[in-house]
Amino acid sequence: GVESDKKRDEYFNSLGLVVLRYSNEDINRHFD
């Protein structure tokens, strides 16, 4: 998963896009 996400992020970044990643735990415990 880490390797796959790295490739995805590199592709999105090559298009000039910024990728924000949050864990499900972040959503559940630190939503605000």
PDB file of all heavy atoms in Angstrom:
ATOM      1  N   GLY A   1       0.806  -1.214   0.000  1.00  0.00           N
ATOM      2  CA  GLY A   1       0.000   0.000   0.000  1.00  0.00           C
ATOM      3  C   GLY A   1       0.838   1.263   0.000  1.00  0.00           C
ATOM      4  O   GLY A   1       0.529   2.237  -0.695  1.00  0.00           O
ATOM      5  N   VAL A   2       1.918   1.257   0.776  1.00  0.00           N
ATOM      6  CA  VAL A   2       2.811   2.419   0.832  1.00  0.00           C
ATOM      7  C   VAL A   2       3.417   2.680  -0.540  1.00  0.00           C
ATOM      8  O   VAL A   2       3.455   3.829  -1.011  1.00  0.00           O
ATOM      9  CB  VAL A   2       3.909   2.211   1.907  1.00  0.00           C
ATOM     10  CG1 VAL A   2       4.980   3.283   1.812  1.00  0.00           C
ATOM     11  CG2 VAL A   2       3.299   2.188   3.306  1.00  0.00           C
ATOM     12  N   GLU A   3       3.884   1.629  -1.195  1.00  0.00           N
ATOM     13  CA  GLU A   3       4.496   1.772  -2.519  1.00  0.00           C
ATOM     14  C   GLU A   3       3.466   2.245  -3.550  1.00  0.00           C
ATOM     15  O   GLU A   3       3.744   3.117  -4.372  1.00  0.00           O
ATOM     16  CB  GLU A   3       5.128   0.453  -2.961  1.00  0.00           C
ATOM     17  CG  GLU A   3       5.934   0.555  -4.232  1.00  0.00           C
ATOM     18  CD  GLU A   3       7.088   1.545  -4.156  1.00  0.00           C
ATOM     19  OE1 GLU A   3       7.709   1.686  -3.091  1.00  0.00           O
ATOM     20  OE2 GLU A   3       7.354   2.202  -5.192  1.00  0.00           O
ATOM     21  N   SER A   4       2.277   1.683  -3.503  1.00  0.00           N
ATOM     22  CA  SER A   4       1.212   2.081  -4.420  1.00  0.00           C
ATOM     23  C   SER A   4       0.830   3.542  -4.219  1.00  0.00           C
ATOM     24  O   SER A   4       0.667   4.296  -5.187  1.00  0.00           O
ATOM     25  CB  SER A   4       0.000   1.177  -4.209  1.00  0.00           C
ATOM     26  OG  SER A   4      -1.065   1.587  -5.019  1.00  0.00           O
ATOM     27  N   ASP A   5       0.701   3.964  -2.959  1.00  0.00           N
ATOM     28  CA  ASP A   5       0.356   5.357  -2.661  1.00  0.00           C
ATOM     29  C   ASP A   5       1.455   6.311  -3.134  1.00  0.00           C
ATOM     30  O   ASP A   5       1.162   7.409  -3.619  1.00  0.00           O
ATOM     31  CB  ASP A   5       0.111   5.550  -1.165  1.00  0.00           C
ATOM     32  CG  ASP A   5      -1.195   4.937  -0.709  1.00  0.00           C
ATOM     33  OD1 ASP A   5      -2.050   4.620  -1.564  1.00  0.00           O
ATOM     34  OD2 ASP A   5      -1.372   4.780   0.510  1.00  0.00           O
ATOM     35  N   LYS A   6       2.696   5.890  -3.014  1.00  0.00           N
ATOM     36  CA  LYS A   6       3.810   6.728  -3.474  1.00  0.00           C
ATOM     37  C   LYS A   6       3.708   6.971  -4.981  1.00  0.00           C
ATOM     38  O   LYS A   6       3.870   8.101  -5.453  1.00  0.00           O
ATOM     39  CB  LYS A   6       5.143   6.061  -3.123  1.00  0.00           C
ATOM     40  CG  LYS A   6       6.347   6.865  -3.503  1.00  0.00           C
ATOM     41  CD  LYS A   6       7.637   6.145  -3.119  1.00  0.00           C
ATOM     42  CE  LYS A   6       8.819   6.950  -3.617  1.00  0.00           C
ATOM     43  NZ  LYS A   6      10.067   6.216  -3.518  1.00  0.00           N
ATOM     44  N   LYS A   7       3.419   5.905  -5.752  1.00  0.00           N
ATOM     45  CA  LYS A   7       3.264   6.044  -7.200  1.00  0.00           C
ATOM     46  C   LYS A   7       2.084   6.953  -7.555  1.00  0.00           C
ATOM     47  O   LYS A   7       2.185   7.798  -8.443  1.00  0.00           O
ATOM     48  CB  LYS A   7       3.061   4.665  -7.846  1.00  0.00           C
ATOM     49  CG  LYS A   7       4.317   3.864  -8.008  1.00  0.00           C
ATOM     50  CD  LYS A   7       4.053   2.507  -8.632  1.00  0.00           C
ATOM     51  CE  LYS A   7       3.392   2.639  -9.981  1.00  0.00           C
ATOM     52  NZ  LYS A   7       3.164   1.345 -10.646  1.00  0.00           N
ATOM     53  N   ARG A   8       0.962   6.771  -6.848  1.00  0.00           N
ATOM     54  CA  ARG A   8      -0.229   7.609  -7.079  1.00  0.00           C
ATOM     55  C   ARG A   8       0.095   9.071  -6.818  1.00  0.00           C
ATOM     56  O   ARG A   8      -0.222   9.942  -7.625  1.00  0.00           O
ATOM     57  CB  ARG A   8      -1.371   7.200  -6.145  1.00  0.00           C
ATOM     58  CG  ARG A   8      -2.063   5.929  -6.464  1.00  0.00           C
ATOM     59  CD  ARG A   8      -2.983   5.514  -5.308  1.00  0.00           C
ATOM     60  NE  ARG A   8      -3.966   6.521  -4.966  1.00  0.00           N
ATOM     61  CZ  ARG A   8      -5.201   6.580  -5.455  1.00  0.00           C
ATOM     62  NH1 ARG A   8      -5.607   5.669  -6.297  1.00  0.00           N
ATOM     63  NH2 ARG A   8      -6.026   7.533  -5.081  1.00  0.00           N
ATOM     64  N   ASP A   9       0.721   9.324  -5.667  1.00  0.00           N
ATOM     65  CA  ASP A   9       1.047  10.698  -5.300  1.00  0.00           C
ATOM     66  C   ASP A   9       1.994  11.334  -6.312  1.00  0.00           C
ATOM     67  O   ASP A   9       1.835  12.508  -6.680  1.00  0.00           O
ATOM     68  CB  ASP A   9       1.651  10.756  -3.897  1.00  0.00           C
ATOM     69  CG  ASP A   9       0.636  10.455  -2.803  1.00  0.00           C
ATOM     70  OD1 ASP A   9      -0.566  10.278  -3.114  1.00  0.00           O
ATOM     71  OD2 ASP A   9       1.051  10.399  -1.625  1.00  0.00           O
ATOM     72  N   GLU A  10       2.986  10.582  -6.772  1.00  0.00           N
ATOM     73  CA  GLU A  10       3.920  11.106  -7.772  1.00  0.00           C
ATOM     74  C   GLU A  10       3.178  11.453  -9.057  1.00  0.00           C
ATOM     75  O   GLU A  10       3.448  12.486  -9.675  1.00  0.00           O
ATOM     76  CB  GLU A  10       5.033  10.097  -8.045  1.00  0.00           C
ATOM     77  CG  GLU A  10       6.038   9.992  -6.911  1.00  0.00           C
ATOM     78  CD  GLU A  10       7.033   8.852  -7.092  1.00  0.00           C
ATOM     79  OE1 GLU A  10       6.907   8.065  -8.072  1.00  0.00           O
ATOM     80  OE2 GLU A  10       7.932   8.734  -6.235  1.00  0.00           O
ATOM     81  N   TYR A  11       2.246  10.602  -9.465  1.00  0.00           N
ATOM     82  CA  TYR A  11       1.470  10.883 -10.673  1.00  0.00           C
ATOM     83  C   TYR A  11       0.630  12.148 -10.484  1.00  0.00           C
ATOM     84  O   TYR A  11       0.658  13.056 -11.321  1.00  0.00           O
ATOM     85  CB  TYR A  11       0.564   9.699 -11.027  1.00  0.00           C
ATOM     86  CG  TYR A  11      -0.355  10.011 -12.183  1.00  0.00           C
ATOM     87  CD1 TYR A  11       0.136  10.068 -13.484  1.00  0.00           C
ATOM     88  CD2 TYR A  11      -1.698  10.296 -11.964  1.00  0.00           C
ATOM     89  CE1 TYR A  11      -0.697  10.387 -14.553  1.00  0.00           C
ATOM     90  CE2 TYR A  11      -2.538  10.615 -13.032  1.00  0.00           C
ATOM     91  CZ  TYR A  11      -2.030  10.657 -14.312  1.00  0.00           C
ATOM     92  OH  TYR A  11      -2.853  10.982 -15.358  1.00  0.00           O
ATOM     93  N   PHE A  12      -0.101  12.223  -9.382  1.00  0.00           N
ATOM     94  CA  PHE A  12      -0.925  13.409  -9.121  1.00  0.00           C
ATOM     95  C   PHE A  12      -0.058  14.669  -9.047  1.00  0.00           C
ATOM     96  O   PHE A  12      -0.412  15.710  -9.608  1.00  0.00           O
ATOM     97  CB  PHE A  12      -1.731  13.247  -7.835  1.00  0.00           C
ATOM     98  CG  PHE A  12      -2.836  12.218  -7.911  1.00  0.00           C
ATOM     99  CD1 PHE A  12      -3.168  11.461  -6.798  1.00  0.00           C
ATOM    100  CD2 PHE A  12      -3.562  12.001  -9.073  1.00  0.00           C
ATOM    101  CE1 PHE A  12      -4.194  10.516  -6.840  1.00  0.00           C
ATOM    102  CE2 PHE A  12      -4.589  11.060  -9.139  1.00  0.00           C
ATOM    103  CZ  PHE A  12      -4.904  10.320  -8.021  1.00  0.00           C
ATOM    104  N   ASN A  13       1.081  14.577  -8.381  1.00  0.00           N
ATOM    105  CA  ASN A  13       1.985  15.728  -8.280  1.00  0.00           C
ATOM    106  C   ASN A  13       2.497  16.153  -9.655  1.00  0.00           C
ATOM    107  O   ASN A  13       2.653  17.356  -9.911  1.00  0.00           O
ATOM    108  CB  ASN A  13       3.164  15.416  -7.366  1.00  0.00           C
ATOM    109  CG  ASN A  13       2.780  15.241  -5.905  1.00  0.00           C
ATOM    110  OD1 ASN A  13       3.482  14.593  -5.145  1.00  0.00           O
ATOM    111  ND2 ASN A  13       1.653  15.790  -5.479  1.00  0.00           N
ATOM    112  N   SER A  14       2.718  15.191 -10.556  1.00  0.00           N
ATOM    113  CA  SER A  14       3.198  15.520 -11.906  1.00  0.00           C
ATOM    114  C   SER A  14       2.154  16.324 -12.684  1.00  0.00           C
ATOM    115  O   SER A  14       2.490  17.006 -13.654  1.00  0.00           O
ATOM    116  CB  SER A  14       3.574  14.252 -12.680  1.00  0.00           C
ATOM    117  OG  SER A  14       2.418  13.563 -13.134  1.00  0.00           O
ATOM    118  N   LEU A  15       0.892  16.237 -12.255  1.00  0.00           N
ATOM    119  CA  LEU A  15      -0.185  17.012 -12.880  1.00  0.00           C
ATOM    120  C   LEU A  15      -0.387  18.357 -12.182  1.00  0.00           C
ATOM    121  O   LEU A  15      -1.310  19.097 -12.514  1.00  0.00           O
ATOM    122  CB  LEU A  15      -1.501  16.216 -12.835  1.00  0.00           C
ATOM    123  CG  LEU A  15      -1.519  14.878 -13.572  1.00  0.00           C
ATOM    124  CD1 LEU A  15      -2.847  14.169 -13.348  1.00  0.00           C
ATOM    125  CD2 LEU A  15      -1.258  15.076 -15.055  1.00  0.00           C
ATOM    126  N   GLY A  16       0.460  18.655 -11.199  1.00  0.00           N
ATOM    127  CA  GLY A  16       0.342  19.909 -10.465  1.00  0.00           C
ATOM    128  C   GLY A  16      -0.670  19.848  -9.337  1.00  0.00           C
ATOM    129  O   GLY A  16      -1.115  20.888  -8.851  1.00  0.00           O
ATOM    130  N   LEU A  17      -1.039  18.640  -8.913  1.00  0.00           N
ATOM    131  CA  LEU A  17      -2.023  18.467  -7.846  1.00  0.00           C
ATOM    132  C   LEU A  17      -1.329  18.205  -6.516  1.00  0.00           C
ATOM    133  O   LEU A  17      -0.284  17.553  -6.472  1.00  0.00           O
ATOM    134  CB  LEU A  17      -2.956  17.296  -8.170  1.00  0.00           C
ATOM    135  CG  LEU A  17      -3.690  17.388  -9.512  1.00  0.00           C
ATOM    136  CD1 LEU A  17      -4.434  16.089  -9.798  1.00  0.00           C
ATOM    137  CD2 LEU A  17      -4.636  18.568  -9.523  1.00  0.00           C
ATOM    138  N   VAL A  18      -1.916  18.714  -5.454  1.00  0.00           N
ATOM    139  CA  VAL A  18      -1.423  18.476  -4.102  1.00  0.00           C
ATOM    140  C   VAL A  18      -2.282  17.385  -3.477  1.00  0.00           C
ATOM    141  O   VAL A  18      -3.512  17.423  -3.581  1.00  0.00           O
ATOM    142  CB  VAL A  18      -1.502  19.769  -3.251  1.00  0.00           C
ATOM    143  CG1 VAL A  18      -1.149  19.489  -1.801  1.00  0.00           C
ATOM    144  CG2 VAL A  18      -0.609  20.846  -3.840  1.00  0.00           C
ATOM    145  N   VAL A  19      -1.642  16.420  -2.837  1.00  0.00           N
ATOM    146  CA  VAL A  19      -2.352  15.311  -2.213  1.00  0.00           C
ATOM    147  C   VAL A  19      -2.251  15.440  -0.696  1.00  0.00           C
ATOM    148  O   VAL A  19      -1.157  15.530  -0.152  1.00  0.00           O
ATOM    149  CB  VAL A  19      -1.772  13.946  -2.649  1.00  0.00           C
ATOM    150  CG1 VAL A  19      -2.524  12.805  -1.970  1.00  0.00           C
ATOM    151  CG2 VAL A  19      -1.817  13.805  -4.163  1.00  0.00           C
ATOM    152  N   LEU A  20      -3.410  15.472  -0.049  1.00  0.00           N
ATOM    153  CA  LEU A  20      -3.467  15.441   1.410  1.00  0.00           C
ATOM    154  C   LEU A  20      -3.936  14.055   1.815  1.00  0.00           C
ATOM    155  O   LEU A  20      -4.950  13.574   1.308  1.00  0.00           O
ATOM    156  CB  LEU A  20      -4.449  16.485   1.950  1.00  0.00           C
ATOM    157  CG  LEU A  20      -4.220  17.935   1.559  1.00  0.00           C
ATOM    158  CD1 LEU A  20      -5.281  18.815   2.194  1.00  0.00           C
ATOM    159  CD2 LEU A  20      -2.838  18.392   1.978  1.00  0.00           C
ATOM    160  N   ARG A  21      -3.201  13.425   2.726  1.00  0.00           N
ATOM    161  CA  ARG A  21      -3.570  12.089   3.192  1.00  0.00           C
ATOM    162  C   ARG A  21      -3.888  12.134   4.676  1.00  0.00           C
ATOM    163  O   ARG A  21      -3.140  12.696   5.458  1.00  0.00           O
ATOM    164  CB  ARG A  21      -2.429  11.095   2.970  1.00  0.00           C
ATOM    165  CG  ARG A  21      -2.224  10.770   1.529  1.00  0.00           C
ATOM    166  CD  ARG A  21      -1.251   9.604   1.347  1.00  0.00           C
ATOM    167  NE  ARG A  21      -1.322   9.180  -0.035  1.00  0.00           N
ATOM    168  CZ  ARG A  21      -2.239   8.376  -0.519  1.00  0.00           C
ATOM    169  NH1 ARG A  21      -3.140   7.847   0.277  1.00  0.00           N
ATOM    170  NH2 ARG A  21      -2.276   8.063  -1.792  1.00  0.00           N
ATOM    171  N   TYR A  22      -5.013  11.520   5.009  1.00  0.00           N
ATOM    172  CA  TYR A  22      -5.432  11.398   6.407  1.00  0.00           C
ATOM    173  C   TYR A  22      -5.821   9.952   6.652  1.00  0.00           C
ATOM    174  O   TYR A  22      -6.419   9.311   5.786  1.00  0.00           O
ATOM    175  CB  TYR A  22      -6.633  12.305   6.706  1.00  0.00           C
ATOM    176  CG  TYR A  22      -6.375  13.747   6.392  1.00  0.00           C
ATOM    177  CD1 TYR A  22      -6.845  14.306   5.213  1.00  0.00           C
ATOM    178  CD2 TYR A  22      -5.652  14.549   7.256  1.00  0.00           C
ATOM    179  CE1 TYR A  22      -6.608  15.631   4.903  1.00  0.00           C
ATOM    180  CE2 TYR A  22      -5.402  15.880   6.955  1.00  0.00           C
ATOM    181  CZ  TYR A  22      -5.881  16.416   5.778  1.00  0.00           C
ATOM    182  OH  TYR A  22      -5.638  17.726   5.470  1.00  0.00           O
ATOM    183  N   SER A  23      -5.480   9.461   7.821  1.00  0.00           N
ATOM    184  CA  SER A  23      -5.866   8.092   8.151  1.00  0.00           C
ATOM    185  C   SER A  23      -7.328   8.079   8.597  1.00  0.00           C
ATOM    186  O   SER A  23      -7.872   9.107   9.022  1.00  0.00           O
ATOM    187  CB  SER A  23      -4.977   7.543   9.267  1.00  0.00           C
ATOM    188  OG  SER A  23      -5.252   8.205  10.487  1.00  0.00           O
ATOM    189  N   ASN A  24      -7.944   6.916   8.519  1.00  0.00           N
ATOM    190  CA  ASN A  24      -9.298   6.772   9.054  1.00  0.00           C
ATOM    191  C   ASN A  24      -9.312   7.123  10.539  1.00  0.00           C
ATOM    192  O   ASN A  24     -10.275   7.696  11.039  1.00  0.00           O
ATOM    193  CB  ASN A  24      -9.808   5.354   8.830  1.00  0.00           C
ATOM    194  CG  ASN A  24     -10.199   5.106   7.386  1.00  0.00           C
ATOM    195  OD1 ASN A  24     -10.388   6.038   6.608  1.00  0.00           O
ATOM    196  ND2 ASN A  24     -10.311   3.852   7.023  1.00  0.00           N
ATOM    197  N   GLU A  25      -8.233   6.801  11.215  1.00  0.00           N
ATOM    198  CA  GLU A  25      -8.101   7.135  12.642  1.00  0.00           C
ATOM    199  C   GLU A  25      -8.151   8.656  12.848  1.00  0.00           C
ATOM    200  O   GLU A  25      -8.764   9.135  13.799  1.00  0.00           O
ATOM    201  CB  GLU A  25      -6.790   6.556  13.178  1.00  0.00           C
ATOM    202  CG  GLU A  25      -6.636   6.643  14.657  1.00  0.00           C
ATOM    203  CD  GLU A  25      -7.467   5.613  15.403  1.00  0.00           C
ATOM    204  OE1 GLU A  25      -7.995   4.683  14.768  1.00  0.00           O
ATOM    205  OE2 GLU A  25      -7.584   5.756  16.619  1.00  0.00           O
ATOM    206  N   ASP A  26      -7.507   9.414  11.955  1.00  0.00           N
ATOM    207  CA  ASP A  26      -7.558  10.879  12.036  1.00  0.00           C
ATOM    208  C   ASP A  26      -9.003  11.362  11.926  1.00  0.00           C
ATOM    209  O   ASP A  26      -9.420  12.250  12.664  1.00  0.00           O
ATOM    210  CB  ASP A  26      -6.740  11.523  10.909  1.00  0.00           C
ATOM    211  CG  ASP A  26      -5.251  11.346  11.067  1.00  0.00           C
ATOM    212  OD1 ASP A  26      -4.773  11.189  12.211  1.00  0.00           O
ATOM    213  OD2 ASP A  26      -4.548  11.363  10.026  1.00  0.00           O
ATOM    214  N   ILE A  27      -9.745  10.796  10.994  1.00  0.00           N
ATOM    215  CA  ILE A  27     -11.143  11.197  10.800  1.00  0.00           C
ATOM    216  C   ILE A  27     -11.957  10.857  12.041  1.00  0.00           C
ATOM    217  O   ILE A  27     -12.770  11.663  12.505  1.00  0.00           O
ATOM    218  CB  ILE A  27     -11.745  10.506   9.553  1.00  0.00           C
ATOM    219  CG1 ILE A  27     -11.007  10.936   8.283  1.00  0.00           C
ATOM    220  CG2 ILE A  27     -13.245  10.794   9.437  1.00  0.00           C
ATOM    221  CD1 ILE A  27     -11.099  12.411   7.951  1.00  0.00           C
ATOM    222  N   ASN A  28     -11.735   9.683  12.597  1.00  0.00           N
ATOM    223  CA  ASN A  28     -12.522   9.231  13.748  1.00  0.00           C
ATOM    224  C   ASN A  28     -12.171   9.945  15.050  1.00  0.00           C
ATOM    225  O   ASN A  28     -13.045  10.180  15.883  1.00  0.00           O
ATOM    226  CB  ASN A  28     -12.364   7.721  13.934  1.00  0.00           C
ATOM    227  CG  ASN A  28     -13.034   6.940  12.826  1.00  0.00           C
ATOM    228  OD1 ASN A  28     -14.079   7.331  12.326  1.00  0.00           O
ATOM    229  ND2 ASN A  28     -12.425   5.846  12.423  1.00  0.00           N
ATOM    230  N   ARG A  29     -10.913  10.311  15.228  1.00  0.00           N
ATOM    231  CA  ARG A  29     -10.481  10.866  16.522  1.00  0.00           C
ATOM    232  C   ARG A  29     -10.153  12.356  16.497  1.00  0.00           C
ATOM    233  O   ARG A  29     -10.172  12.993  17.546  1.00  0.00           O
ATOM    234  CB  ARG A  29      -9.277  10.097  17.041  1.00  0.00           C
ATOM    235  CG  ARG A  29      -9.617   8.687  17.423  1.00  0.00           C
ATOM    236  CD  ARG A  29      -8.419   8.005  18.012  1.00  0.00           C
ATOM    237  NE  ARG A  29      -8.769   6.649  18.368  1.00  0.00           N
ATOM    238  CZ  ARG A  29      -8.475   6.106  19.532  1.00  0.00           C
ATOM    239  NH1 ARG A  29      -7.835   6.798  20.435  1.00  0.00           N
ATOM    240  NH2 ARG A  29      -8.814   4.858  19.776  1.00  0.00           N
ATOM    241  N   HIS A  30      -9.799  12.863  15.307  1.00  0.00           N
ATOM    242  CA  HIS A  30      -9.343  14.256  15.221  1.00  0.00           C
ATOM    243  C   HIS A  30     -10.027  14.985  14.068  1.00  0.00           C
ATOM    244  O   HIS A  30      -9.387  15.713  13.311  1.00  0.00           O
ATOM    245  CB  HIS A  30      -7.826  14.303  15.037  1.00  0.00           C
ATOM    246  CG  HIS A  30      -7.071  13.484  16.029  1.00  0.00           C
ATOM    247  ND1 HIS A  30      -6.944  13.843  17.341  1.00  0.00           N
ATOM    248  CD2 HIS A  30      -6.432  12.293  15.894  1.00  0.00           C
ATOM    249  CE1 HIS A  30      -6.240  12.921  17.985  1.00  0.00           C
ATOM    250  NE2 HIS A  30      -5.920  11.966  17.130  1.00  0.00           N
ATOM    251  N   PHE A  31     -11.327  14.779  13.933  1.00  0.00           N
ATOM    252  CA  PHE A  31     -12.065  15.306  12.786  1.00  0.00           C
ATOM    253  C   PHE A  31     -11.914  16.820  12.647  1.00  0.00           C
ATOM    254  O   PHE A  31     -11.650  17.321  11.555  1.00  0.00           O
ATOM    255  CB  PHE A  31     -13.546  14.919  12.896  1.00  0.00           C
ATOM    256  CG  PHE A  31     -14.349  15.305  11.683  1.00  0.00           C
ATOM    257  CD1 PHE A  31     -14.196  14.622  10.490  1.00  0.00           C
ATOM    258  CD2 PHE A  31     -15.268  16.341  11.742  1.00  0.00           C
ATOM    259  CE1 PHE A  31     -14.933  14.970   9.367  1.00  0.00           C
ATOM    260  CE2 PHE A  31     -16.008  16.698  10.631  1.00  0.00           C
ATOM    261  CZ  PHE A  31     -15.840  16.005   9.439  1.00  0.00           C
ATOM    262  N   ASP A  32     -12.063  17.549  13.741  1.00  0.00           N
ATOM    263  CA  ASP A  32     -11.958  19.017  13.667  1.00  0.00           C
ATOM    264  C   ASP A  32     -10.580  19.455  13.188  1.00  0.00           C
ATOM    265  O   ASP A  32     -10.466  20.406  12.396  1.00  0.00           O
ATOM    266  CB  ASP A  32     -12.271  19.648  15.025  1.00  0.00           C
ATOM    267  CG  ASP A  32     -13.738  19.511  15.403  1.00  0.00           C
ATOM    268  OD1 ASP A  32     -14.579  19.283  14.505  1.00  0.00           O
ATOM    269  OD2 ASP A  32     -14.059  19.632  16.605  1.00  0.00           O
TER     270      ASP A  32
END
